[in-house]
Amino acid sequence: MSFGEYVSTLAGSWLFSVLFALVFLAIGLGVSVFLAIYRRHLVGRRAERLLEDARREAEQLGKEAEVKAREDLYQMRQEFEKETQDARTEVKQLSRRLAKREDNLDRKTDLLSRKERYIENLERELSGKQEKLDQREVELKKVIEEEMAALQKISGYSKEEATEILLKRLEQEVEHEAAEIISRSVNYVRETADRKAKEILSTAIQRCAVEHTAENVVSIIDLPNDEMKGRIIGREGRNIRAFEKATGVDVIVDDTPGVVVISGFDSVRREMARRGMEMLVQDGRIHPSRIEEVVGKAKEDLQESILEAGRQAALDTDVHGLHAKEVELIGRLKYRTSYGQNVLQHSIDVSHVCGVMAGELGLNIQRAKRIGLLHDIGKAVDQEMEGGHPEIGADLARRYEEPAEVINAIAAHHEGEAPSSLYAILVQAADAVSASRPGARRETLEKYIKRLQKLEEVANAFPGVETAYAIQAGREVRVIVRPDRVDEKAMAKMGRDIAKGIERELNFPGEIRVTLIRESRVVEYAR
């Protein structure tokens, strides 16, 4: 091989190698570019799938959130509609009550208008009569002045001197005469009446020795647990307000465990509230509509209990022919107390005592029992009407067409009216006997001490009294008088005056004995 051929061969091999290398390099670059493009395509598709999955998940969450929001909104709407319905019901109830109150106010306004017109007519009549009286008074004054001038000329004394002389003489004469008359009258009455009165009263007390118990209306409700307090109060106090409006009492929920307190001046309303609260606690369902239903049921039960108590009292005392409203009022006395004494039991007791005393005196026993049972009927409504219970009771008896003797005895049993028959005297005595029995009534220590102090003050206020002592638990006052200022005859008049003063100044059950003591003491000392 020649050198040129060899060189040509080498040159051809080198070029081929270079070309081969370039081709291989181009192929490698193409493959790399293809792989890079393919990987980018795969990454893009994977990213699209992830985005699509995220989008679907977001849509699913959005749908679930929307469904949940709709459910919450529906539930809130239901609760709002329920509360709105309760509020509308309560507003309707309040509207009905306000309408009733407006009707009552209209009736009262009409009554007041009629009374005002009647009073105006009376005032005009009285004004005319007053003018006539004024004219007559002026005429009488002129006549008296003329007569006084004539008397002064005849007697030679001035008006003041003559008046003083006459008053002194009259005072001396009247004091001695009054003392003698009172002494004779008191001795005669004591001799003839004390024995018979004691016999009648002792017989009545022995035959009517009924049991006395001071009943108090229960105002404390026991609860099974303290959680019940929250249910009684209700959301924002809604339940307790509904209960207080329905019953007219106050419900006190404090820190005392296991109890709530019902407070109210009307004992019948308080008893109705007590029954209603116990029914609600036992039932456990406490909400405004249920409260109104239960209170209505308790009111019906209490009304039936009141009627039953009135019928039983009439049966026990053998009093017939009572008006249905009178029976109800008598039953209401079961939930009324006076100085701790149950008024219904007191009325039954007075009825029995009146019947026994009427039998001893030969009077109508049925009439006496009827008066005794009805004498305190005014206490059943004295918290709703103005005036004392004797006047209210007499008006009620007149309204239900009771006999005149019954009406007068009811009005006069606390001496608010003059008695017109022996029945009025009998009911006064029977009322005092029932009230003054041991344990029948109770007084607080403070009132008891004040009554004793007042009793001694009234006696010490009379001239001639040295000192006075209240004894026998206030049933007797012993008065020591000064012998140099009060003689034996004047003691009778002073004792009567002290007794009348005690009657004017004090309110007391039964009677108070006044004993006057007059003595002379001589004290000497041996040294």
Protein backbone atom coordinates (compact mmCIF):
# COMPACT_ATOMS: atom_id res chain seq x y z
CA MET A 1 0.00 0.00 0.00
CA SER A 2 1.31 3.31 -0.89
CA PHE A 3 1.70 6.09 1.55
CA GLY A 4 -1.00 8.13 -0.11
CA GLU A 5 -3.51 5.32 0.06
CA TYR A 6 -2.71 4.80 3.69
CA VAL A 7 -3.18 8.45 4.43
CA SER A 8 -6.44 8.42 2.48
CA THR A 9 -7.60 5.39 4.49
CA LEU A 10 -6.72 7.03 7.80
CA ALA A 11 -8.37 10.21 6.74
CA GLY A 12 -11.52 8.33 5.81
CA SER A 13 -11.59 6.47 9.14
CA TRP A 14 -11.22 9.71 11.14
CA LEU A 15 -13.98 11.45 9.30
CA PHE A 16 -16.22 8.42 9.74
CA SER A 17 -15.49 8.39 13.42
CA VAL A 18 -16.25 12.07 13.71
CA LEU A 19 -19.43 11.68 11.71
CA PHE A 20 -20.45 8.68 13.79
CA ALA A 21 -19.75 10.60 16.96
CA LEU A 22 -21.79 13.55 15.73
CA VAL A 23 -24.67 11.28 14.73
CA PHE A 24 -24.58 9.50 18.09
CA LEU A 25 -24.44 12.82 19.88
CA ALA A 26 -27.42 14.08 17.89
CA ILE A 27 -29.35 10.94 18.68
CA GLY A 28 -28.51 11.29 22.41
CA LEU A 29 -29.60 14.91 22.40
CA GLY A 30 -32.84 14.01 20.66
CA VAL A 31 -33.55 11.25 23.12
CA SER A 32 -32.80 13.58 26.04
CA VAL A 33 -35.06 16.25 24.65
CA PHE A 34 -37.78 13.66 24.05
CA LEU A 35 -37.47 12.31 27.59
CA ALA A 36 -37.53 15.80 29.03
CA ILE A 37 -40.63 16.68 27.01
CA TYR A 38 -42.28 13.37 27.98
CA ARG A 39 -41.52 13.88 31.68
CA ARG A 40 -42.90 17.41 31.51
CA HIS A 41 -46.02 16.01 29.86
CA LEU A 42 -46.40 13.38 32.62
CA VAL A 43 -45.89 16.00 35.35
CA GLY A 44 -48.50 18.24 33.71
CA ARG A 45 -51.04 15.43 33.52
CA ARG A 46 -50.38 14.47 37.15
CA ALA A 47 -50.79 18.12 38.21
CA GLU A 48 -54.04 18.31 36.25
CA ARG A 49 -55.29 15.15 37.97
CA LEU A 50 -54.37 16.59 41.40
CA LEU A 51 -56.08 19.88 40.57
CA GLU A 52 -59.13 18.01 39.38
CA ASP A 53 -59.22 15.91 42.57
CA ALA A 54 -58.80 19.07 44.71
CA ARG A 55 -61.55 20.78 42.76
CA ARG A 56 -63.94 17.83 43.22
CA GLU A 57 -63.10 17.64 46.96
CA ALA A 58 -63.64 21.40 47.32
CA GLU A 59 -67.02 21.09 45.58
CA GLN A 60 -67.95 18.17 47.88
CA LEU A 61 -66.96 20.13 51.00
CA GLY A 62 -68.88 23.15 49.71
CA LYS A 63 -72.00 21.03 49.18
CA GLU A 64 -71.67 19.47 52.65
CA ALA A 65 -71.16 22.92 54.23
CA GLU A 66 -74.19 24.22 52.39
CA VAL A 67 -76.33 21.27 53.58
CA LYS A 68 -75.10 21.76 57.17
CA ALA A 69 -75.80 25.49 56.99
CA ARG A 70 -79.31 24.81 55.68
CA GLU A 71 -79.95 22.30 58.48
CA ASP A 72 -78.70 24.78 61.13
CA LEU A 73 -80.79 27.55 59.59
CA TYR A 74 -83.88 25.29 59.60
CA GLN A 75 -83.31 24.32 63.24
CA MET A 76 -82.80 27.96 64.24
CA ARG A 77 -85.94 28.89 62.35
CA GLN A 78 -87.91 26.16 64.16
CA GLU A 79 -86.66 27.37 67.56
CA PHE A 80 -87.45 30.98 66.68
CA GLU A 81 -90.96 30.05 65.52
CA LYS A 82 -91.54 28.09 68.77
CA GLU A 83 -90.35 30.98 70.93
CA THR A 84 -92.45 33.38 68.86
CA GLN A 85 -95.50 31.16 69.32
CA ASP A 86 -94.92 31.03 73.10
CA ALA A 87 -94.55 34.80 73.18
CA ARG A 88 -97.75 35.22 71.16
CA THR A 89 -99.60 32.89 73.53
CA GLU A 90 -98.35 34.84 76.54
CA VAL A 91 -99.32 38.13 74.90
CA LYS A 92 -102.82 36.77 74.20
CA GLN A 93 -103.18 35.70 77.82
CA LEU A 94 -102.04 39.11 79.00
CA SER A 95 -104.47 40.75 76.61
CA ARG A 96 -107.36 38.69 77.99
CA ARG A 97 -106.40 39.55 81.57
CA LEU A 98 -106.06 43.22 80.72
CA ALA A 99 -109.47 43.15 79.08
CA LYS A 100 -110.98 41.62 82.24
CA ARG A 101 -109.28 44.22 84.38
CA GLU A 102 -110.55 46.98 82.12
CA ASP A 103 -114.10 45.62 82.49
CA ASN A 104 -113.69 45.55 86.28
CA LEU A 105 -112.33 49.09 86.26
CA ASP A 106 -115.24 50.26 84.10
CA ARG A 107 -117.73 48.74 86.54
CA LYS A 108 -115.93 50.28 89.51
CA THR A 109 -115.84 53.65 87.70
CA ASP A 110 -119.60 53.50 87.13
CA LEU A 111 -120.16 52.61 90.77
CA LEU A 112 -117.95 55.49 91.91
CA SER A 113 -119.78 57.86 89.60
CA ARG A 114 -123.12 56.86 91.09
CA LYS A 115 -121.70 57.26 94.61
CA GLU A 116 -120.32 60.68 93.71
CA ARG A 117 -123.70 61.83 92.43
CA TYR A 118 -125.36 60.51 95.57
CA ILE A 119 -122.81 62.29 97.77
CA GLU A 120 -123.25 65.51 95.83
CA ASN A 121 -127.00 65.35 96.42
CA LEU A 122 -126.40 64.72 100.11
CA GLU A 123 -123.98 67.63 100.27
CA ARG A 124 -126.54 69.96 98.72
CA GLU A 125 -129.19 68.80 101.20
CA LEU A 126 -126.77 69.16 104.10
CA SER A 127 -125.75 72.63 102.91
CA GLY A 128 -129.38 73.74 102.98
CA LYS A 129 -129.91 72.25 106.42
CA GLN A 130 -126.68 73.81 107.65
CA GLU A 131 -127.83 77.24 106.53
CA LYS A 132 -131.07 76.82 108.43
CA LEU A 133 -129.20 75.62 111.52
CA ASP A 134 -126.85 78.61 111.31
CA GLN A 135 -129.80 80.97 111.21
CA ARG A 136 -131.42 79.28 114.21
CA GLU A 137 -128.13 79.29 116.06
CA VAL A 138 -127.80 83.05 115.58
CA GLU A 139 -131.34 83.52 116.87
CA LEU A 140 -130.68 81.27 119.89
CA LYS A 141 -127.48 83.13 120.69
CA LYS A 142 -129.37 86.42 120.76
CA VAL A 143 -132.04 84.96 123.07
CA ILE A 144 -129.40 83.44 125.37
CA GLU A 145 -127.48 86.70 125.54
CA GLU A 146 -130.65 88.57 126.49
CA GLU A 147 -131.49 86.01 129.17
CA MET A 148 -127.90 86.03 130.51
CA ALA A 149 -127.97 89.81 130.82
CA ALA A 150 -131.26 89.62 132.70
CA LEU A 151 -129.94 86.91 135.05
CA GLN A 152 -126.78 88.88 135.79
CA LYS A 153 -128.86 91.93 136.79
CA ILE A 154 -131.10 89.82 139.03
CA SER A 155 -128.34 87.71 140.74
CA GLY A 156 -125.63 90.32 140.99
CA TYR A 157 -123.00 87.79 139.73
CA SER A 158 -121.06 87.90 136.50
CA LYS A 159 -121.35 85.07 133.98
CA GLU A 160 -117.98 83.56 134.92
CA GLU A 161 -118.66 83.71 138.68
CA ALA A 162 -122.09 82.13 138.37
CA THR A 163 -120.77 79.41 136.06
CA GLU A 164 -117.95 78.52 138.44
CA ILE A 165 -120.27 78.32 141.47
CA LEU A 166 -122.80 76.15 139.64
CA LEU A 167 -120.17 73.81 138.23
CA LYS A 168 -118.60 73.23 141.64
CA ARG A 169 -121.94 72.44 143.23
CA LEU A 170 -123.00 70.18 140.38
CA GLU A 171 -119.66 68.37 140.35
CA GLN A 172 -119.86 67.60 144.08
CA GLU A 173 -123.46 66.45 143.89
CA VAL A 174 -122.98 64.38 140.74
CA GLU A 175 -119.83 62.68 142.02
CA HIS A 176 -121.48 61.48 145.24
CA GLU A 177 -124.73 60.55 143.56
CA ALA A 178 -122.97 58.75 140.71
CA ALA A 179 -120.74 56.88 143.11
CA GLU A 180 -123.72 55.75 145.19
CA ILE A 181 -125.75 54.75 142.12
CA ILE A 182 -122.85 52.83 140.57
CA SER A 183 -122.09 51.11 143.85
CA ARG A 184 -125.70 50.03 144.34
CA SER A 185 -126.09 48.98 140.68
CA VAL A 186 -122.85 47.04 140.58
CA ASN A 187 -123.65 45.20 143.83
CA TYR A 188 -127.13 44.37 142.62
CA VAL A 189 -125.91 43.15 139.23
CA ARG A 190 -123.15 41.11 140.79
CA GLU A 191 -125.50 39.48 143.26
CA THR A 192 -128.16 38.61 140.71
CA ALA A 193 -126.26 38.10 137.46
CA ASP A 194 -122.79 36.72 138.26
CA ARG A 195 -124.04 33.38 139.50
CA LYS A 196 -126.34 32.78 136.54
CA ALA A 197 -123.78 33.97 133.98
CA LYS A 198 -121.10 31.70 135.44
CA GLU A 199 -123.46 28.76 135.34
CA ILE A 200 -124.37 29.37 131.70
CA LEU A 201 -120.77 29.96 130.57
CA SER A 202 -119.39 26.97 132.47
CA THR A 203 -122.11 24.73 131.03
CA ALA A 204 -121.41 25.97 127.50
CA ILE A 205 -117.64 25.56 127.85
CA GLN A 206 -117.93 22.04 129.29
CA ARG A 207 -120.31 20.88 126.58
CA CYS A 208 -118.30 22.49 123.74
CA ALA A 209 -114.76 21.56 124.75
CA VAL A 210 -113.55 21.22 121.17
CA GLU A 211 -109.92 20.80 120.25
CA HIS A 212 -108.04 23.93 119.16
CA THR A 213 -105.11 23.80 116.79
CA ALA A 214 -103.44 26.78 115.15
CA GLU A 215 -103.17 25.82 111.47
CA ASN A 216 -100.68 27.68 109.32
CA VAL A 217 -100.85 27.65 105.55
CA VAL A 218 -97.75 25.89 104.22
CA SER A 219 -95.64 28.18 102.07
CA ILE A 220 -92.45 26.07 101.71
CA ILE A 221 -92.20 23.54 98.86
CA ASP A 222 -89.68 20.69 99.10
CA LEU A 223 -87.75 19.92 95.92
CA PRO A 224 -86.19 16.58 94.93
CA ASN A 225 -82.94 18.31 93.94
CA ASP A 226 -81.48 21.76 93.35
CA GLU A 227 -81.64 21.24 89.57
CA MET A 228 -85.39 21.70 89.86
CA LYS A 229 -84.82 25.34 90.90
CA GLY A 230 -83.41 26.12 87.45
CA ARG A 231 -86.41 24.49 85.78
CA ILE A 232 -88.79 26.47 87.99
CA ILE A 233 -87.03 29.72 87.03
CA GLY A 234 -86.86 28.82 83.32
CA ARG A 235 -84.99 30.52 80.53
CA GLU A 236 -84.41 34.17 81.55
CA GLY A 237 -87.01 33.74 84.33
CA ARG A 238 -89.85 32.96 81.93
CA ASN A 239 -91.36 30.10 83.98
CA ILE A 240 -91.28 31.84 87.36
CA ARG A 241 -92.85 34.99 85.89
CA ALA A 242 -95.62 32.95 84.30
CA PHE A 243 -96.30 31.19 87.63
CA GLU A 244 -96.40 34.46 89.60
CA LYS A 245 -98.76 36.05 87.07
CA ALA A 246 -101.08 33.04 87.08
CA THR A 247 -101.27 32.75 90.90
CA GLY A 248 -100.77 36.32 92.14
CA VAL A 249 -98.09 35.35 94.67
CA ASP A 250 -94.32 35.78 94.94
CA VAL A 251 -91.97 32.82 94.49
CA ILE A 252 -88.67 33.15 96.33
CA VAL A 253 -85.79 30.97 95.11
CA ASP A 254 -82.71 31.48 97.26
CA ASP A 255 -79.62 29.53 98.31
CA THR A 256 -81.55 27.34 100.76
CA PRO A 257 -81.03 23.78 99.48
CA GLY A 258 -84.01 21.72 98.42
CA VAL A 259 -86.81 24.28 98.95
CA VAL A 260 -88.59 27.24 97.36
CA VAL A 261 -90.75 29.70 99.31
CA ILE A 262 -94.18 30.97 98.26
CA SER A 263 -95.12 34.36 99.73
CA GLY A 264 -98.46 36.18 99.58
CA PHE A 265 -100.93 37.99 101.83
CA ASP A 266 -103.98 36.20 100.43
CA SER A 267 -104.01 32.79 102.14
CA VAL A 268 -106.35 31.26 99.53
CA ARG A 269 -104.09 32.30 96.65
CA ARG A 270 -101.07 31.04 98.59
CA GLU A 271 -102.73 27.64 99.06
CA MET A 272 -103.60 27.50 95.35
CA ALA A 273 -99.98 28.34 94.47
CA ARG A 274 -98.70 25.68 96.88
CA ARG A 275 -100.83 23.00 95.29
CA GLY A 276 -99.90 24.08 91.77
CA MET A 277 -96.16 24.13 92.54
CA GLU A 278 -96.28 20.66 94.07
CA MET A 279 -98.07 19.32 90.98
CA LEU A 280 -95.46 20.92 88.68
CA VAL A 281 -92.56 19.52 90.73
CA GLN A 282 -94.06 16.03 90.68
CA ASP A 283 -94.80 16.20 86.94
CA GLY A 284 -91.42 17.70 85.98
CA ARG A 285 -92.77 19.42 82.86
CA ILE A 286 -92.47 23.13 83.61
CA HIS A 287 -93.17 25.70 80.89
CA PRO A 288 -95.64 28.60 80.60
CA SER A 289 -98.49 26.73 78.94
CA ARG A 290 -98.14 23.80 81.36
CA ILE A 291 -98.02 26.22 84.31
CA GLU A 292 -101.30 27.81 83.27
CA GLU A 293 -102.92 24.39 82.90
CA VAL A 294 -101.69 23.14 86.29
CA VAL A 295 -102.66 26.35 88.10
CA GLY A 296 -106.16 26.09 86.65
CA LYS A 297 -106.41 22.49 87.89
CA ALA A 298 -105.13 23.53 91.34
CA LYS A 299 -107.70 26.34 91.45
CA GLU A 300 -110.52 23.90 90.67
CA ASP A 301 -109.30 21.45 93.34
CA LEU A 302 -109.02 24.24 95.91
CA GLN A 303 -112.51 25.51 95.09
CA GLU A 304 -113.89 22.02 95.63
CA SER A 305 -111.98 21.76 98.90
CA ILE A 306 -113.39 25.12 100.04
CA LEU A 307 -116.96 24.05 99.25
CA GLU A 308 -116.45 20.74 101.02
CA ALA A 309 -115.10 22.53 104.12
CA GLY A 310 -118.11 24.90 104.13
CA ARG A 311 -120.60 22.03 103.75
CA GLN A 312 -118.88 20.04 106.50
CA ALA A 313 -118.94 23.05 108.86
CA ALA A 314 -122.66 23.56 108.24
CA LEU A 315 -123.22 19.84 108.85
CA ASP A 316 -121.17 19.82 112.08
CA THR A 317 -123.09 22.80 113.50
CA ASP A 318 -126.48 21.61 112.20
CA VAL A 319 -127.06 24.89 110.33
CA HIS A 320 -129.32 24.51 107.28
CA GLY A 321 -130.65 26.71 104.50
CA LEU A 322 -127.41 28.61 103.83
CA HIS A 323 -126.90 30.37 100.51
CA ALA A 324 -124.38 28.64 98.21
CA LYS A 325 -122.12 31.70 98.37
CA GLU A 326 -122.28 31.67 102.18
CA VAL A 327 -121.13 28.04 102.17
CA GLU A 328 -118.18 29.02 99.98
CA LEU A 329 -117.25 31.97 102.21
CA ILE A 330 -117.39 29.75 105.30
CA GLY A 331 -115.09 27.26 103.56
CA ARG A 332 -112.61 30.04 102.77
CA LEU A 333 -112.24 30.64 106.52
CA LYS A 334 -110.35 27.31 106.64
CA TYR A 335 -107.37 29.16 105.15
CA ARG A 336 -107.70 32.23 107.39
CA THR A 337 -106.11 32.62 110.83
CA SER A 338 -106.46 35.28 113.54
CA TYR A 339 -103.72 35.50 116.18
CA GLY A 340 -102.75 31.95 115.19
CA GLN A 341 -106.31 30.60 115.64
CA ASN A 342 -108.02 29.01 112.66
CA VAL A 343 -111.09 31.15 111.91
CA LEU A 344 -113.22 28.25 110.62
CA GLN A 345 -112.63 26.18 113.75
CA HIS A 346 -113.24 29.31 115.84
CA SER A 347 -116.58 29.90 114.06
CA ILE A 348 -117.66 26.30 114.65
CA ASP A 349 -116.71 26.61 118.31
CA VAL A 350 -118.65 29.90 118.69
CA SER A 351 -121.67 28.28 117.00
CA HIS A 352 -121.69 25.42 119.52
CA VAL A 353 -121.24 27.75 122.50
CA CYS A 354 -124.03 30.05 121.27
CA GLY A 355 -126.34 27.07 120.84
CA VAL A 356 -125.73 25.80 124.37
CA MET A 357 -126.19 29.23 125.96
CA ALA A 358 -129.38 29.82 123.93
CA GLY A 359 -130.73 26.52 125.19
CA GLU A 360 -129.99 27.50 128.78
CA LEU A 361 -131.80 30.83 128.28
CA GLY A 362 -134.77 29.36 126.40
CA LEU A 363 -133.91 31.05 123.08
CA ASN A 364 -133.95 29.67 119.53
CA ILE A 365 -130.99 27.27 119.39
CA GLN A 366 -130.88 27.06 115.58
CA ARG A 367 -130.87 30.84 115.26
CA ALA A 368 -128.05 31.16 117.81
CA LYS A 369 -125.96 28.49 116.03
CA ARG A 370 -126.49 30.20 112.68
CA ILE A 371 -125.29 33.53 114.10
CA GLY A 372 -122.25 31.88 115.70
CA LEU A 373 -121.23 30.19 112.45
CA LEU A 374 -121.66 33.37 110.37
CA HIS A 375 -120.31 35.96 112.84
CA ASP A 376 -116.80 36.09 111.26
CA ILE A 377 -117.84 35.53 107.63
CA GLY A 378 -116.50 38.99 106.78
CA LYS A 379 -112.95 37.74 107.38
CA ALA A 380 -113.23 35.62 104.23
CA VAL A 381 -113.11 38.75 102.05
CA ASP A 382 -111.74 41.49 104.35
CA GLN A 383 -108.50 41.55 102.33
CA GLU A 384 -110.47 42.37 99.17
CA MET A 385 -112.94 44.93 100.60
CA GLU A 386 -112.63 48.05 102.71
CA GLY A 387 -113.90 48.17 106.29
CA GLY A 388 -113.83 45.96 109.36
CA HIS A 389 -114.94 42.36 109.19
CA PRO A 390 -118.14 42.93 111.29
CA GLU A 391 -119.40 45.56 108.82
CA ILE A 392 -118.39 43.44 105.81
CA GLY A 393 -120.02 40.36 107.33
CA ALA A 394 -123.25 42.26 108.01
CA ASP A 395 -123.34 43.52 104.40
CA LEU A 396 -122.83 39.98 103.11
CA ALA A 397 -125.58 38.63 105.38
CA ARG A 398 -127.90 41.39 104.18
CA ARG A 399 -127.04 40.56 100.57
CA TYR A 400 -127.96 36.88 101.08
CA GLU A 401 -131.23 37.82 102.84
CA GLU A 402 -130.41 36.70 106.37
CA PRO A 403 -132.87 37.67 109.16
CA ALA A 404 -132.47 41.06 110.83
CA GLU A 405 -131.37 39.45 114.12
CA VAL A 406 -128.52 37.64 112.34
CA ILE A 407 -127.37 40.82 110.56
CA ASN A 408 -127.40 42.87 113.77
CA ALA A 409 -125.56 40.19 115.76
CA ILE A 410 -122.79 39.98 113.14
CA ALA A 411 -122.39 43.76 113.03
CA ALA A 412 -122.46 44.11 116.85
CA HIS A 413 -120.21 41.23 117.92
CA HIS A 414 -117.28 43.67 118.35
CA GLU A 415 -119.55 46.47 119.63
CA GLY A 416 -119.37 48.35 116.32
CA GLU A 417 -123.17 48.58 116.42
CA ALA A 418 -125.67 48.58 119.27
CA PRO A 419 -127.10 45.08 119.91
CA SER A 420 -130.83 44.77 119.24
CA SER A 421 -131.39 41.26 120.64
CA LEU A 422 -130.02 38.76 123.15
CA TYR A 423 -128.43 36.84 120.28
CA ALA A 424 -125.96 39.69 119.73
CA ILE A 425 -124.96 39.51 123.42
CA LEU A 426 -124.60 35.73 123.19
CA VAL A 427 -122.27 35.87 120.18
CA GLN A 428 -120.12 38.51 121.93
CA ALA A 429 -119.74 36.24 124.97
CA ALA A 430 -119.13 33.10 122.87
CA ASP A 431 -116.55 34.91 120.73
CA ALA A 432 -114.67 36.01 123.85
CA VAL A 433 -114.84 32.50 125.37
CA SER A 434 -113.47 30.85 122.22
CA ALA A 435 -110.69 33.40 121.79
CA SER A 436 -109.56 33.40 125.42
CA ARG A 437 -109.17 29.66 125.90
CA PRO A 438 -105.61 28.57 126.71
CA GLY A 439 -103.77 27.78 123.49
CA ALA A 440 -106.53 29.10 121.23
CA ARG A 441 -104.54 32.15 120.19
CA ARG A 442 -100.92 33.18 120.37
CA GLU A 443 -99.25 36.55 120.60
CA THR A 444 -95.66 37.52 120.09
CA LEU A 445 -93.64 38.43 123.16
CA GLU A 446 -93.23 42.01 121.96
CA LYS A 447 -96.99 42.55 121.53
CA TYR A 448 -97.66 40.88 124.87
CA ILE A 449 -95.24 43.20 126.72
CA LYS A 450 -96.60 46.29 124.95
CA ARG A 451 -100.15 45.35 125.90
CA LEU A 452 -99.21 44.99 129.56
CA GLN A 453 -97.38 48.34 129.51
CA LYS A 454 -100.31 50.05 127.81
CA LEU A 455 -102.70 48.53 130.37
CA GLU A 456 -100.69 49.98 133.26
CA GLU A 457 -100.34 53.36 131.49
CA VAL A 458 -104.12 53.68 131.06
CA ALA A 459 -104.73 52.97 134.76
CA ASN A 460 -101.93 55.28 135.98
CA ALA A 461 -103.31 58.19 133.91
CA PHE A 462 -106.31 58.66 136.24
CA PRO A 463 -105.96 61.24 139.05
CA GLY A 464 -105.73 59.71 142.52
CA VAL A 465 -103.96 56.52 141.34
CA GLU A 466 -100.74 55.77 143.21
CA THR A 467 -99.63 52.82 141.08
CA ALA A 468 -101.06 50.03 138.90
CA TYR A 469 -99.90 46.47 138.15
CA ALA A 470 -100.99 44.22 135.27
CA ILE A 471 -101.20 40.59 136.48
CA GLN A 472 -102.64 37.25 135.38
CA ALA A 473 -101.05 37.59 131.92
CA GLY A 474 -102.90 40.84 131.34
CA ARG A 475 -106.30 39.48 132.41
CA GLU A 476 -106.40 41.68 135.54
CA VAL A 477 -105.08 45.09 136.55
CA ARG A 478 -104.76 45.99 140.23
CA VAL A 479 -104.88 49.70 141.01
CA ILE A 480 -103.71 51.15 144.32
CA VAL A 481 -105.38 54.52 144.97
CA ARG A 482 -104.44 57.28 147.40
CA PRO A 483 -106.80 57.24 150.37
CA ASP A 484 -106.50 60.98 150.94
CA ARG A 485 -107.80 61.75 147.41
CA VAL A 486 -110.25 58.90 146.71
CA ASP A 487 -112.93 57.83 149.22
CA GLU A 488 -114.87 54.57 149.36
CA LYS A 489 -117.82 55.84 147.32
CA ALA A 490 -115.67 57.37 144.59
CA MET A 491 -113.81 54.07 144.10
CA ALA A 492 -116.77 52.49 142.29
CA LYS A 493 -116.94 55.34 139.81
CA MET A 494 -113.15 55.30 139.30
CA GLY A 495 -113.16 51.57 138.65
CA ARG A 496 -115.85 52.01 136.02
CA ASP A 497 -113.94 54.88 134.39
CA ILE A 498 -110.72 52.84 134.27
CA ALA A 499 -112.56 49.91 132.67
CA LYS A 500 -114.06 52.21 130.03
CA GLY A 501 -110.64 53.75 129.38
CA ILE A 502 -109.14 50.28 128.83
CA GLU A 503 -111.95 49.45 126.39
CA ARG A 504 -111.25 52.64 124.42
CA GLU A 505 -107.46 52.37 124.31
CA LEU A 506 -106.79 48.61 123.96
CA ASN A 507 -107.87 45.76 121.70
CA PHE A 508 -107.94 42.47 123.61
CA PRO A 509 -109.74 39.11 123.51
CA GLY A 510 -112.01 38.21 126.42
CA GLU A 511 -112.22 40.56 129.39
CA ILE A 512 -109.88 42.37 131.80
CA ARG A 513 -110.70 42.60 135.49
CA VAL A 514 -110.08 45.95 137.23
CA THR A 515 -109.44 45.74 141.01
CA LEU A 516 -109.05 48.90 143.10
CA ILE A 517 -107.26 48.80 146.49
CA ARG A 518 -107.53 51.60 149.04
CA GLU A 519 -105.64 51.36 152.34
CA SER A 520 -104.16 53.60 155.01
CA ARG A 521 -100.71 52.85 156.43
CA VAL A 522 -99.02 54.19 159.53
CA VAL A 523 -95.25 53.74 159.75
CA GLU A 524 -93.27 54.48 162.94
CA TYR A 525 -89.66 53.74 163.82
CA ALA A 526 -88.39 52.65 167.29
CA ARG A 527 -84.93 53.86 168.08
